[in-house]
Amino acid sequence: MEPFSINTLVMCFAGGIVGGAIGGLFSFIICGLMVMAGCLVMMASGSDFMLLQVGLGPIFGPHVGGFASGVAASTYAAAVSKNHPGGAAKDILSSLMGTSWDVLLVGGLTALAGHFLLQLFAMIPVVNKTDMIALSVVATALLARLLFQKEMPWGNSKSIKDFGYLKTDDHKISWIPWMLPLPKMVLYGFGAGVLSAAMAAQAKAAMDPMVAAGVISAAGAFVVPLIMGWAAAAISLIALQLGTGAIQQVPVWHCQAILSALAYLYFGNILIAGMVGACAALLQELMARMFWNHGSNHVDPPAAAIAVGTLMLNLIK
């Protein structure tokens, strides 16, 4: 697909409307399902279209309708149109279909902004060594925070003054408090990292012969091992979306999954991948404390950690 063709832009805008209506988290889960479907199609010697153009591309990638649109629409609905069903911009679980046409329009425009930012980031040295999809997700959320809530990236200055920038008020303002304390978070990150790396190892072993035979694309064959764990983690968030109480308290681990898979693909070592998963859990928590805990809208800690972590791994390798 040509990135700036009329058809591509119209599809991107439409996906953003749909993502805005569905809401941030549920659209992300749907994106994860599309990505997993794309992985399975490729492993069956099929096309990379579902994976690279739909689940990770302009049609419904996380940086467009598959997450970012719902986040920005939620911010607008809470701060500007004042019709967010949950009342708070951080609520990315609620569907926004019951709001108003302008909220859905913001979803569509955000998808276009995310798509354009991705193309821009690809042209900037060093920046293009990060995960540019994740960076675009963070950028549009910060832009929505600035435009609609008149708030800086680090959030509300009064909250920072009251509790301390990296403090959590005994986890009362924490992003995902049930993943704390840190020892439990690190141990889980290690486990999630090894699981994702194991998936990457077996997927790579299965797909390398198909690439050599010219059956599937090399680009798709690199992305499948990288993204399978991420997709599984995204799908697991259906419990967070639809559950209540303890059922809802599932880990958020797509950051650990993708960074560990990338580490395995670079270094070929499962143990190193697990250690990267543990570090990714800490990095994700740091991003939450820097950009989410004191903010009035959702700036995604996993996306921020994926962007930073990918850059670090690319500079190290």
Protein backbone atom coordinates (compact mmCIF):
# COMPACT_ATOMS: atom_id res chain seq x y z
CA MET A 1 0.00 0.00 0.00
CA GLU A 2 1.25 3.47 -0.88
CA PRO A 3 1.42 5.38 2.43
CA PHE A 4 0.00 8.62 1.05
CA SER A 5 -2.51 7.34 -1.49
CA ILE A 6 -6.10 8.50 -1.14
CA ASN A 7 -7.25 4.92 -0.52
CA THR A 8 -4.71 4.40 2.28
CA LEU A 9 -5.63 7.67 3.98
CA VAL A 10 -9.36 7.01 3.73
CA MET A 11 -8.93 3.51 5.18
CA CYS A 12 -6.76 4.90 7.96
CA PHE A 13 -9.29 7.62 8.81
CA ALA A 14 -12.17 5.12 8.80
CA GLY A 15 -10.29 2.73 11.08
CA GLY A 16 -9.72 5.61 13.47
CA ILE A 17 -13.46 6.34 13.60
CA VAL A 18 -14.16 2.69 14.41
CA GLY A 19 -11.36 2.56 17.01
CA GLY A 20 -12.59 5.74 18.62
CA ALA A 21 -16.13 4.37 18.86
CA ILE A 22 -15.04 1.02 20.31
CA GLY A 23 -12.65 2.55 22.84
CA GLY A 24 -8.91 2.30 23.34
CA LEU A 25 -8.47 -1.05 25.09
CA PHE A 26 -11.04 -3.07 23.16
CA SER A 27 -9.72 -1.77 19.85
CA PHE A 28 -6.23 -2.83 20.98
CA ILE A 29 -7.50 -6.33 21.75
CA ILE A 30 -9.05 -6.50 18.28
CA CYS A 31 -5.73 -5.30 16.86
CA GLY A 32 -4.00 -8.12 18.74
CA LEU A 33 -6.41 -10.65 17.26
CA MET A 34 -5.70 -9.31 13.77
CA VAL A 35 -1.96 -9.51 14.36
CA MET A 36 -2.20 -13.08 15.61
CA ALA A 37 -4.32 -13.99 12.60
CA GLY A 38 -1.68 -12.42 10.36
CA CYS A 39 1.05 -14.45 12.06
CA LEU A 40 -0.88 -17.68 11.55
CA VAL A 41 -1.55 -16.87 7.91
CA MET A 42 2.15 -16.32 7.31
CA MET A 43 3.13 -19.51 9.14
CA ALA A 44 0.78 -21.32 6.78
CA SER A 45 2.81 -19.90 3.86
CA GLY A 46 0.32 -17.11 3.19
CA SER A 47 0.46 -13.38 2.51
CA ASP A 48 1.84 -10.81 4.96
CA PHE A 49 -1.05 -8.41 4.21
CA MET A 50 -3.11 -9.15 7.34
CA LEU A 51 -0.05 -8.77 9.55
CA LEU A 52 1.77 -5.79 8.04
CA GLN A 53 -1.04 -3.76 6.47
CA VAL A 54 -3.99 -4.48 8.77
CA GLY A 55 -2.81 -5.42 12.29
CA LEU A 56 0.40 -3.37 12.22
CA GLY A 57 -0.35 -1.03 9.33
CA PRO A 58 -2.54 1.92 8.40
CA ILE A 59 -5.80 -0.05 8.40
CA PHE A 60 -5.97 -0.91 12.12
CA GLY A 61 -2.50 -0.78 13.68
CA PRO A 62 -1.99 0.34 17.31
CA HIS A 63 -0.81 3.77 16.15
CA VAL A 64 -4.05 4.36 14.24
CA GLY A 65 -7.48 2.80 14.87
CA GLY A 66 -6.15 -0.13 16.86
CA PHE A 67 -5.49 1.88 20.03
CA ALA A 68 -4.29 5.48 19.62
CA SER A 69 -7.61 6.71 18.22
CA GLY A 70 -9.52 5.44 21.24
CA VAL A 71 -7.06 7.09 23.62
CA ALA A 72 -7.28 10.50 21.95
CA ALA A 73 -11.06 10.27 21.54
CA SER A 74 -11.38 9.43 25.23
CA THR A 75 -9.24 12.46 26.11
CA TYR A 76 -11.36 14.74 23.94
CA ALA A 77 -14.66 13.31 25.24
CA ALA A 78 -13.64 13.93 28.86
CA ALA A 79 -11.94 17.31 28.46
CA VAL A 80 -13.79 19.05 25.62
CA SER A 81 -17.15 17.54 24.74
CA LYS A 82 -17.77 16.54 28.38
CA ASN A 83 -19.68 13.41 27.40
CA HIS A 84 -17.29 10.61 28.29
CA PRO A 85 -19.47 7.81 29.73
CA GLY A 86 -16.97 7.13 32.51
CA GLY A 87 -16.19 10.79 33.11
CA ALA A 88 -12.40 10.38 33.05
CA ALA A 89 -10.02 10.44 30.10
CA LYS A 90 -7.98 7.63 31.66
CA ASP A 91 -10.97 5.36 31.19
CA ILE A 92 -10.02 3.64 27.93
CA LEU A 93 -12.33 0.68 28.57
CA SER A 94 -15.64 2.46 27.93
CA SER A 95 -17.10 2.48 24.44
CA LEU A 96 -17.50 5.99 23.07
CA MET A 97 -20.24 5.13 20.60
CA GLY A 98 -22.77 6.80 22.88
CA THR A 99 -20.97 10.15 22.87
CA SER A 100 -21.13 12.42 19.80
CA TRP A 101 -19.96 12.69 16.20
CA ASP A 102 -17.08 15.03 17.07
CA VAL A 103 -15.57 12.43 19.42
CA LEU A 104 -15.53 9.88 16.59
CA LEU A 105 -14.08 12.52 14.27
CA VAL A 106 -11.19 12.99 16.70
CA GLY A 107 -10.61 9.24 16.49
CA GLY A 108 -10.37 9.43 12.71
CA LEU A 109 -8.08 12.48 12.73
CA THR A 110 -5.85 10.86 15.35
CA ALA A 111 -5.40 7.84 13.09
CA LEU A 112 -4.22 10.12 10.29
CA ALA A 113 -1.87 11.91 12.70
CA GLY A 114 -0.45 8.60 13.92
CA HIS A 115 0.05 7.41 10.35
CA PHE A 116 1.85 10.62 9.33
CA LEU A 117 4.02 10.56 12.45
CA LEU A 118 5.13 7.02 11.64
CA GLN A 119 6.28 8.12 8.18
CA LEU A 120 8.06 11.12 9.71
CA PHE A 121 9.86 9.08 12.38
CA ALA A 122 11.13 6.68 9.70
CA MET A 123 13.06 9.55 8.10
CA ILE A 124 14.81 10.76 11.29
CA PRO A 125 18.18 9.16 12.13
CA VAL A 126 18.35 7.47 15.57
CA VAL A 127 14.59 7.94 16.01
CA ASN A 128 14.10 5.34 13.27
CA LYS A 129 15.99 2.83 15.43
CA THR A 130 13.19 2.76 17.96
CA ASP A 131 9.82 1.04 17.62
CA MET A 132 8.20 3.78 15.59
CA ILE A 133 4.67 2.41 15.99
CA ALA A 134 5.03 2.56 19.79
CA LEU A 135 6.58 6.01 19.58
CA SER A 136 3.66 7.22 17.47
CA VAL A 137 1.20 5.85 20.06
CA VAL A 138 2.95 7.83 22.79
CA ALA A 139 3.23 10.97 20.65
CA THR A 140 -0.48 11.15 19.79
CA ALA A 141 -1.46 10.58 23.43
CA LEU A 142 0.85 13.38 24.56
CA LEU A 143 -0.48 15.61 21.80
CA ALA A 144 -4.05 14.92 22.96
CA ARG A 145 -3.01 15.70 26.54
CA LEU A 146 -1.55 19.04 25.47
CA LEU A 147 -4.33 20.08 23.07
CA PHE A 148 -7.39 18.96 25.02
CA GLN A 149 -6.29 19.10 28.65
CA LYS A 150 -3.61 21.81 28.44
CA GLU A 151 -1.30 19.54 30.40
CA MET A 152 2.42 18.86 29.97
CA PRO A 153 3.85 15.36 29.30
CA TRP A 154 4.67 14.71 32.96
CA GLY A 155 1.11 15.44 34.05
CA ASN A 156 -0.49 17.50 36.79
CA SER A 157 1.97 19.67 38.71
CA LYS A 158 -0.14 19.59 41.89
CA SER A 159 -0.14 15.80 41.93
CA ILE A 160 3.63 15.76 41.45
CA LYS A 161 4.06 18.28 44.28
CA ASP A 162 1.73 16.36 46.61
CA PHE A 163 3.07 12.85 46.05
CA GLY A 164 6.49 13.18 44.40
CA TYR A 165 7.22 12.61 40.71
CA LEU A 166 8.16 8.93 40.89
CA LYS A 167 6.15 8.10 44.02
CA THR A 168 2.81 6.28 44.00
CA ASP A 169 1.17 7.26 47.32
CA ASP A 170 1.42 3.63 48.46
CA HIS A 171 0.23 2.49 45.00
CA LYS A 172 -2.98 4.57 45.22
CA ILE A 173 -2.13 6.41 41.98
CA SER A 174 -0.36 3.48 40.34
CA TRP A 175 -1.19 2.45 36.79
CA ILE A 176 -1.53 -1.33 37.36
CA PRO A 177 -1.22 -1.71 41.15
CA TRP A 178 -1.77 -5.47 41.16
CA MET A 179 1.52 -6.00 39.32
CA LEU A 180 3.39 -4.46 42.27
CA PRO A 181 5.53 -4.76 44.39
CA LEU A 182 8.64 -4.70 42.22
CA PRO A 183 10.00 -8.22 43.06
CA LYS A 184 6.77 -9.80 41.83
CA MET A 185 6.79 -7.58 38.75
CA VAL A 186 10.38 -8.50 37.89
CA LEU A 187 9.77 -12.23 38.35
CA TYR A 188 6.72 -12.07 36.13
CA GLY A 189 8.65 -10.09 33.53
CA PHE A 190 11.29 -12.81 33.42
CA GLY A 191 8.65 -15.51 32.93
CA ALA A 192 6.81 -13.56 30.25
CA GLY A 193 10.09 -12.81 28.52
CA VAL A 194 11.14 -16.45 28.35
CA LEU A 195 7.67 -17.47 27.11
CA SER A 196 7.75 -14.90 24.32
CA ALA A 197 11.34 -15.77 23.40
CA ALA A 198 10.42 -19.45 23.21
CA MET A 199 7.60 -18.60 20.81
CA ALA A 200 10.01 -16.47 18.78
CA ALA A 201 12.59 -19.25 18.63
CA GLN A 202 10.17 -21.86 17.35
CA ALA A 203 8.46 -19.50 14.91
CA LYS A 204 11.82 -18.46 13.48
CA ALA A 205 12.91 -22.08 13.08
CA ALA A 206 9.68 -22.89 11.24
CA MET A 207 9.79 -19.85 8.96
CA ASP A 208 13.46 -19.63 7.96
CA PRO A 209 13.14 -22.49 5.42
CA MET A 210 10.07 -20.81 3.90
CA VAL A 211 12.01 -17.57 3.44
CA ALA A 212 14.90 -19.44 1.83
CA ALA A 213 12.46 -21.10 -0.56
CA GLY A 214 10.89 -17.73 -1.45
CA VAL A 215 7.48 -18.79 -0.14
CA ILE A 216 7.02 -15.90 2.30
CA SER A 217 8.48 -12.40 2.62
CA ALA A 218 11.61 -11.83 4.67
CA ALA A 219 10.01 -8.80 6.36
CA GLY A 220 7.01 -10.78 7.49
CA ALA A 221 9.22 -13.67 8.62
CA PHE A 222 11.14 -11.31 10.92
CA VAL A 223 7.99 -9.70 12.32
CA VAL A 224 6.13 -12.95 13.13
CA PRO A 225 8.63 -14.23 15.74
CA LEU A 226 8.95 -10.70 17.11
CA ILE A 227 5.23 -10.05 17.50
CA MET A 228 3.57 -13.38 18.39
CA GLY A 229 4.09 -12.98 22.14
CA TRP A 230 2.96 -9.35 21.91
CA ALA A 231 -0.24 -10.45 20.17
CA ALA A 232 -0.92 -13.13 22.79
CA ALA A 233 -0.42 -10.54 25.53
CA ALA A 234 -2.79 -8.10 23.78
CA ILE A 235 -5.47 -10.78 23.47
CA SER A 236 -5.11 -11.67 27.16
CA LEU A 237 -6.27 -8.16 28.04
CA ILE A 238 -9.83 -9.19 27.19
CA ALA A 239 -10.02 -10.17 30.87
CA LEU A 240 -9.14 -6.59 31.85
CA GLN A 241 -11.72 -5.24 29.40
CA LEU A 242 -14.63 -7.52 30.35
CA GLY A 243 -13.80 -8.83 33.82
CA THR A 244 -14.41 -7.50 37.32
CA GLY A 245 -12.54 -7.89 40.59
CA ALA A 246 -9.77 -10.49 40.63
CA ILE A 247 -10.75 -11.71 37.16
CA GLN A 248 -9.83 -8.30 35.77
CA GLN A 249 -6.43 -8.20 37.45
CA VAL A 250 -4.40 -9.80 34.69
CA PRO A 251 -0.82 -8.71 33.96
CA VAL A 252 -0.10 -6.27 31.17
CA TRP A 253 2.85 -7.88 29.43
CA HIS A 254 3.03 -7.00 25.73
CA CYS A 255 6.03 -4.75 26.47
CA GLN A 256 7.96 -7.61 28.09
CA ALA A 257 6.91 -9.93 25.27
CA ILE A 258 8.11 -7.86 22.33
CA LEU A 259 11.35 -6.65 23.90
CA SER A 260 12.29 -10.19 24.97
CA ALA A 261 11.50 -11.54 21.52
CA LEU A 262 13.65 -8.82 19.97
CA ALA A 263 16.48 -9.67 22.37
CA TYR A 264 16.24 -13.34 21.40
CA LEU A 265 16.28 -12.51 17.68
CA TYR A 266 19.40 -10.37 18.20
CA PHE A 267 21.35 -12.53 20.65
CA GLY A 268 19.88 -16.02 20.25
CA ASN A 269 19.82 -16.66 24.00
CA ILE A 270 16.68 -17.51 25.97
CA LEU A 271 18.21 -16.52 29.33
CA ILE A 272 19.19 -13.08 28.02
CA ALA A 273 15.66 -12.70 26.67
CA GLY A 274 14.24 -13.50 30.11
CA MET A 275 16.51 -10.93 31.72
CA VAL A 276 15.37 -8.37 29.16
CA GLY A 277 11.78 -9.24 30.08
CA ALA A 278 12.54 -8.53 33.75
CA CYS A 279 14.16 -5.20 32.85
CA ALA A 280 11.24 -4.37 30.53
CA ALA A 281 8.81 -4.79 33.45
CA LEU A 282 10.81 -2.23 35.43
CA LEU A 283 11.05 0.11 32.44
CA GLN A 284 7.29 -0.12 31.93
CA GLU A 285 6.70 0.83 35.57
CA LEU A 286 9.14 3.73 35.26
CA MET A 287 7.25 5.02 32.21
CA ALA A 288 3.99 4.76 34.17
CA ARG A 289 5.44 6.83 36.98
CA MET A 290 6.82 9.40 34.56
CA PHE A 291 3.85 9.84 32.21
CA TRP A 292 0.70 8.09 33.52
CA ASN A 293 0.39 8.33 37.30
CA HIS A 294 0.17 12.14 37.47
CA GLY A 295 -1.51 12.67 34.11
CA SER A 296 -5.16 13.25 33.35
CA ASN A 297 -5.31 11.02 30.27
CA HIS A 298 -3.82 7.69 29.25
CA VAL A 299 -0.23 7.87 28.00
CA ASP A 300 0.53 4.21 27.49
CA PRO A 301 3.39 2.92 29.70
CA PRO A 302 3.96 -0.25 27.63
CA ALA A 303 4.22 1.74 24.39
CA ALA A 304 6.65 4.19 26.00
CA ALA A 305 8.75 1.32 27.36
CA ILE A 306 8.71 -0.48 24.00
CA ALA A 307 9.93 2.67 22.26
CA VAL A 308 12.76 3.25 24.76
CA GLY A 309 13.66 -0.44 25.09
CA THR A 310 13.79 -1.04 21.34
CA LEU A 311 16.09 1.94 20.90
CA MET A 312 18.38 0.60 23.64
CA LEU A 313 18.52 -2.89 22.13
CA ASN A 314 19.19 -1.51 18.65
CA LEU A 315 22.05 0.65 19.95
CA ILE A 316 23.55 -2.28 21.89
CA LYS A 317 23.39 -5.00 19.21
